[in-house]
Amino acid sequence: MTTESKIETRNKILKGLEKAYEKMIAFKKERKSELVIIKDNKIVKIKL
C-alpha cells in the first residue's frame, strides 16, 4: 500500500466510526439509557 492509500483508508475508517458514534448516541437518547465511558481511568455513566 502506498502512503496515499493508507491515509485514504484511515480517513474512511474514521468517518465510519463517527457515523457509528452518532447512531449509538441517537439510540441511547431514544431509549433513555446511559452512555458508559472511561474518563481519567474511571468508568463513568452519563444519562442522556
PDB file of N, CA and C in Angstrom:
ATOM      1  N   MET A   1       0.835  -1.185   0.000  1.00  0.00           N
ATOM      2  CA  MET A   1       0.000   0.000   0.000  1.00  0.00           C
ATOM      3  C   MET A   1       0.877   1.245   0.000  1.00  0.00           C
ATOM      4  N   THR A   2       0.439   2.207  -0.757  1.00  0.00           N
ATOM      5  CA  THR A   2       1.166   3.469  -0.765  1.00  0.00           C
ATOM      6  C   THR A   2       0.709   4.321   0.407  1.00  0.00           C
ATOM      7  N   THR A   3       1.451   5.348   0.678  1.00  0.00           N
ATOM      8  CA  THR A   3       1.118   6.245   1.774  1.00  0.00           C
ATOM      9  C   THR A   3      -0.236   6.903   1.543  1.00  0.00           C
ATOM     10  N   GLU A   4      -0.505   7.286   0.302  1.00  0.00           N
ATOM     11  CA  GLU A   4      -1.777   7.939  -0.013  1.00  0.00           C
ATOM     12  C   GLU A   4      -2.961   7.003   0.236  1.00  0.00           C
ATOM     13  N   SER A   5      -2.821   5.752  -0.168  1.00  0.00           N
ATOM     14  CA  SER A   5      -3.928   4.818   0.029  1.00  0.00           C
ATOM     15  C   SER A   5      -4.124   4.502   1.512  1.00  0.00           C
ATOM     16  N   LYS A   6      -3.050   4.491   2.283  1.00  0.00           N
ATOM     17  CA  LYS A   6      -3.174   4.274   3.725  1.00  0.00           C
ATOM     18  C   LYS A   6      -3.934   5.427   4.375  1.00  0.00           C
ATOM     19  N   ILE A   7      -3.606   6.643   3.964  1.00  0.00           N
ATOM     20  CA  ILE A   7      -4.274   7.828   4.516  1.00  0.00           C
ATOM     21  C   ILE A   7      -5.745   7.817   4.127  1.00  0.00           C
ATOM     22  N   GLU A   8      -6.033   7.459   2.880  1.00  0.00           N
ATOM     23  CA  GLU A   8      -7.414   7.404   2.402  1.00  0.00           C
ATOM     24  C   GLU A   8      -8.209   6.351   3.176  1.00  0.00           C
ATOM     25  N   THR A   9      -7.616   5.194   3.388  1.00  0.00           N
ATOM     26  CA  THR A   9      -8.273   4.131   4.146  1.00  0.00           C
ATOM     27  C   THR A   9      -8.511   4.568   5.579  1.00  0.00           C
ATOM     28  N   ARG A  10      -7.519   5.216   6.171  1.00  0.00           N
ATOM     29  CA  ARG A  10      -7.648   5.707   7.549  1.00  0.00           C
ATOM     30  C   ARG A  10      -8.794   6.703   7.655  1.00  0.00           C
ATOM     31  N   ASN A  11      -8.896   7.616   6.698  1.00  0.00           N
ATOM     32  CA  ASN A  11      -9.957   8.618   6.712  1.00  0.00           C
ATOM     33  C   ASN A  11     -11.335   7.977   6.578  1.00  0.00           C
ATOM     34  N   LYS A  12     -11.434   6.951   5.742  1.00  0.00           N
ATOM     35  CA  LYS A  12     -12.708   6.241   5.583  1.00  0.00           C
ATOM     36  C   LYS A  12     -13.109   5.554   6.886  1.00  0.00           C
ATOM     37  N   ILE A  13     -12.146   4.960   7.546  1.00  0.00           N
ATOM     38  CA  ILE A  13     -12.418   4.288   8.824  1.00  0.00           C
ATOM     39  C   ILE A  13     -12.888   5.302   9.857  1.00  0.00           C
ATOM     40  N   LEU A  14     -12.228   6.448   9.933  1.00  0.00           N
ATOM     41  CA  LEU A  14     -12.610   7.477  10.901  1.00  0.00           C
ATOM     42  C   LEU A  14     -14.012   8.012  10.628  1.00  0.00           C
ATOM     43  N   LYS A  15     -14.369   8.203   9.354  1.00  0.00           N
ATOM     44  CA  LYS A  15     -15.716   8.655   9.013  1.00  0.00           C
ATOM     45  C   LYS A  15     -16.750   7.613   9.433  1.00  0.00           C
ATOM     46  N   GLY A  16     -16.430   6.335   9.222  1.00  0.00           N
ATOM     47  CA  GLY A  16     -17.328   5.263   9.631  1.00  0.00           C
ATOM     48  C   GLY A  16     -17.527   5.229  11.134  1.00  0.00           C
ATOM     49  N   LEU A  17     -16.451   5.435  11.880  1.00  0.00           N
ATOM     50  CA  LEU A  17     -16.542   5.468  13.336  1.00  0.00           C
ATOM     51  C   LEU A  17     -17.385   6.642  13.808  1.00  0.00           C
ATOM     52  N   GLU A  18     -17.226   7.793  13.175  1.00  0.00           N
ATOM     53  CA  GLU A  18     -18.034   8.957  13.545  1.00  0.00           C
ATOM     54  C   GLU A  18     -19.515   8.681  13.344  1.00  0.00           C
ATOM     55  N   LYS A  19     -19.870   8.047  12.225  1.00  0.00           N
ATOM     56  CA  LYS A  19     -21.268   7.697  11.971  1.00  0.00           C
ATOM     57  C   LYS A  19     -21.781   6.716  13.013  1.00  0.00           C
ATOM     58  N   ALA A  20     -20.950   5.739  13.363  1.00  0.00           N
ATOM     59  CA  ALA A  20     -21.345   4.748  14.355  1.00  0.00           C
ATOM     60  C   ALA A  20     -21.589   5.404  15.711  1.00  0.00           C
ATOM     61  N   TYR A  21     -20.721   6.340  16.100  1.00  0.00           N
ATOM     62  CA  TYR A  21     -20.901   7.045  17.372  1.00  0.00           C
ATOM     63  C   TYR A  21     -22.186   7.864  17.370  1.00  0.00           C
ATOM     64  N   GLU A  22     -22.461   8.540  16.247  1.00  0.00           N
ATOM     65  CA  GLU A  22     -23.687   9.339  16.150  1.00  0.00           C
ATOM     66  C   GLU A  22     -24.923   8.454  16.273  1.00  0.00           C
ATOM     67  N   LYS A  23     -24.904   7.299  15.608  1.00  0.00           N
ATOM     68  CA  LYS A  23     -26.042   6.378  15.685  1.00  0.00           C
ATOM     69  C   LYS A  23     -26.215   5.842  17.101  1.00  0.00           C
ATOM     70  N   MET A  24     -25.089   5.526  17.763  1.00  0.00           N
ATOM     71  CA  MET A  24     -25.158   4.999  19.119  1.00  0.00           C
ATOM     72  C   MET A  24     -25.752   6.031  20.071  1.00  0.00           C
ATOM     73  N   ILE A  25     -25.328   7.273  19.956  1.00  0.00           N
ATOM     74  CA  ILE A  25     -25.842   8.322  20.833  1.00  0.00           C
ATOM     75  C   ILE A  25     -27.324   8.553  20.582  1.00  0.00           C
ATOM     76  N   ALA A  26     -27.736   8.540  19.307  1.00  0.00           N
ATOM     77  CA  ALA A  26     -29.153   8.702  18.976  1.00  0.00           C
ATOM     78  C   ALA A  26     -29.967   7.549  19.564  1.00  0.00           C
ATOM     79  N   PHE A  27     -29.441   6.335  19.481  1.00  0.00           N
ATOM     80  CA  PHE A  27     -30.122   5.164  20.036  1.00  0.00           C
ATOM     81  C   PHE A  27     -30.242   5.285  21.551  1.00  0.00           C
ATOM     82  N   LYS A  28     -29.170   5.687  22.203  1.00  0.00           N
ATOM     83  CA  LYS A  28     -29.181   5.827  23.663  1.00  0.00           C
ATOM     84  C   LYS A  28     -30.183   6.896  24.099  1.00  0.00           C
ATOM     85  N   LYS A  29     -30.258   8.008  23.347  1.00  0.00           N
ATOM     86  CA  LYS A  29     -31.219   9.062  23.673  1.00  0.00           C
ATOM     87  C   LYS A  29     -32.642   8.562  23.494  1.00  0.00           C
ATOM     88  N   GLU A  30     -32.877   7.813  22.421  1.00  0.00           N
ATOM     89  CA  GLU A  30     -34.204   7.296  22.125  1.00  0.00           C
ATOM     90  C   GLU A  30     -34.676   6.341  23.220  1.00  0.00           C
ATOM     91  N   ARG A  31     -33.780   5.498  23.683  1.00  0.00           N
ATOM     92  CA  ARG A  31     -34.112   4.509  24.724  1.00  0.00           C
ATOM     93  C   ARG A  31     -33.985   5.062  26.140  1.00  0.00           C
ATOM     94  N   LYS A  32     -33.499   6.305  26.242  1.00  0.00           N
ATOM     95  CA  LYS A  32     -33.272   6.957  27.538  1.00  0.00           C
ATOM     96  C   LYS A  32     -32.383   6.097  28.446  1.00  0.00           C
ATOM     97  N   SER A  33     -31.324   5.592  27.867  1.00  0.00           N
ATOM     98  CA  SER A  33     -30.390   4.778  28.636  1.00  0.00           C
ATOM     99  C   SER A  33     -29.086   5.537  28.851  1.00  0.00           C
ATOM    100  N   GLU A  34     -28.201   4.942  29.618  1.00  0.00           N
ATOM    101  CA  GLU A  34     -26.949   5.605  29.972  1.00  0.00           C
ATOM    102  C   GLU A  34     -25.860   5.273  28.956  1.00  0.00           C
ATOM    103  N   LEU A  35     -24.961   6.221  28.782  1.00  0.00           N
ATOM    104  CA  LEU A  35     -23.777   6.030  27.954  1.00  0.00           C
ATOM    105  C   LEU A  35     -22.616   5.795  28.911  1.00  0.00           C
ATOM    106  N   VAL A  36     -21.885   4.714  28.717  1.00  0.00           N
ATOM    107  CA  VAL A  36     -20.785   4.358  29.612  1.00  0.00           C
ATOM    108  C   VAL A  36     -19.472   4.677  28.901  1.00  0.00           C
ATOM    109  N   ILE A  37     -18.641   5.489  29.569  1.00  0.00           N
ATOM    110  CA  ILE A  37     -17.347   5.867  29.006  1.00  0.00           C
ATOM    111  C   ILE A  37     -16.267   5.716  30.072  1.00  0.00           C
ATOM    112  N   ILE A  38     -15.034   5.832  29.647  1.00  0.00           N
ATOM    113  CA  ILE A  38     -13.906   5.840  30.585  1.00  0.00           C
ATOM    114  C   ILE A  38     -13.324   7.248  30.590  1.00  0.00           C
ATOM    115  N   LYS A  39     -13.253   7.834  31.776  1.00  0.00           N
ATOM    116  CA  LYS A  39     -12.696   9.179  31.923  1.00  0.00           C
ATOM    117  C   LYS A  39     -11.721   9.162  33.089  1.00  0.00           C
ATOM    118  N   ASP A  40     -10.509   9.564  32.837  1.00  0.00           N
ATOM    119  CA  ASP A  40      -9.452   9.561  33.861  1.00  0.00           C
ATOM    120  C   ASP A  40      -9.320   8.189  34.507  1.00  0.00           C
ATOM    121  N   ASN A  41      -9.323   7.143  33.689  1.00  0.00           N
ATOM    122  CA  ASN A  41      -9.172   5.753  34.136  1.00  0.00           C
ATOM    123  C   ASN A  41     -10.281   5.307  35.088  1.00  0.00           C
ATOM    124  N   LYS A  42     -11.449   5.944  34.995  1.00  0.00           N
ATOM    125  CA  LYS A  42     -12.600   5.551  35.792  1.00  0.00           C
ATOM    126  C   LYS A  42     -13.792   5.362  34.873  1.00  0.00           C
ATOM    127  N   ILE A  43     -14.644   4.412  35.197  1.00  0.00           N
ATOM    128  CA  ILE A  43     -15.855   4.177  34.413  1.00  0.00           C
ATOM    129  C   ILE A  43     -16.897   5.190  34.840  1.00  0.00           C
ATOM    130  N   VAL A  44     -17.456   5.908  33.851  1.00  0.00           N
ATOM    131  CA  VAL A  44     -18.438   6.959  34.122  1.00  0.00           C
ATOM    132  C   VAL A  44     -19.687   6.675  33.309  1.00  0.00           C
ATOM    133  N   LYS A  45     -20.858   6.794  33.948  1.00  0.00           N
ATOM    134  CA  LYS A  45     -22.132   6.616  33.263  1.00  0.00           C
ATOM    135  C   LYS A  45     -22.763   7.988  33.084  1.00  0.00           C
ATOM    136  N   ILE A  46     -23.170   8.284  31.841  1.00  0.00           N
ATOM    137  CA  ILE A  46     -23.764   9.577  31.526  1.00  0.00           C
ATOM    138  C   ILE A  46     -25.214   9.347  31.116  1.00  0.00           C
ATOM    139  N   LYS A  47     -26.132  10.035  31.792  1.00  0.00           N
ATOM    140  CA  LYS A  47     -27.542   9.939  31.416  1.00  0.00           C
ATOM    141  C   LYS A  47     -27.796  10.871  30.250  1.00  0.00           C
ATOM    142  N   LEU A  48     -28.497  10.343  29.237  1.00  0.00           N
ATOM    143  CA  LEU A  48     -28.775  11.165  28.063  1.00  0.00           C
ATOM    144  C   LEU A  48     -30.202  11.579  28.058  1.00  0.00           C
TER     145      LEU A  48
END
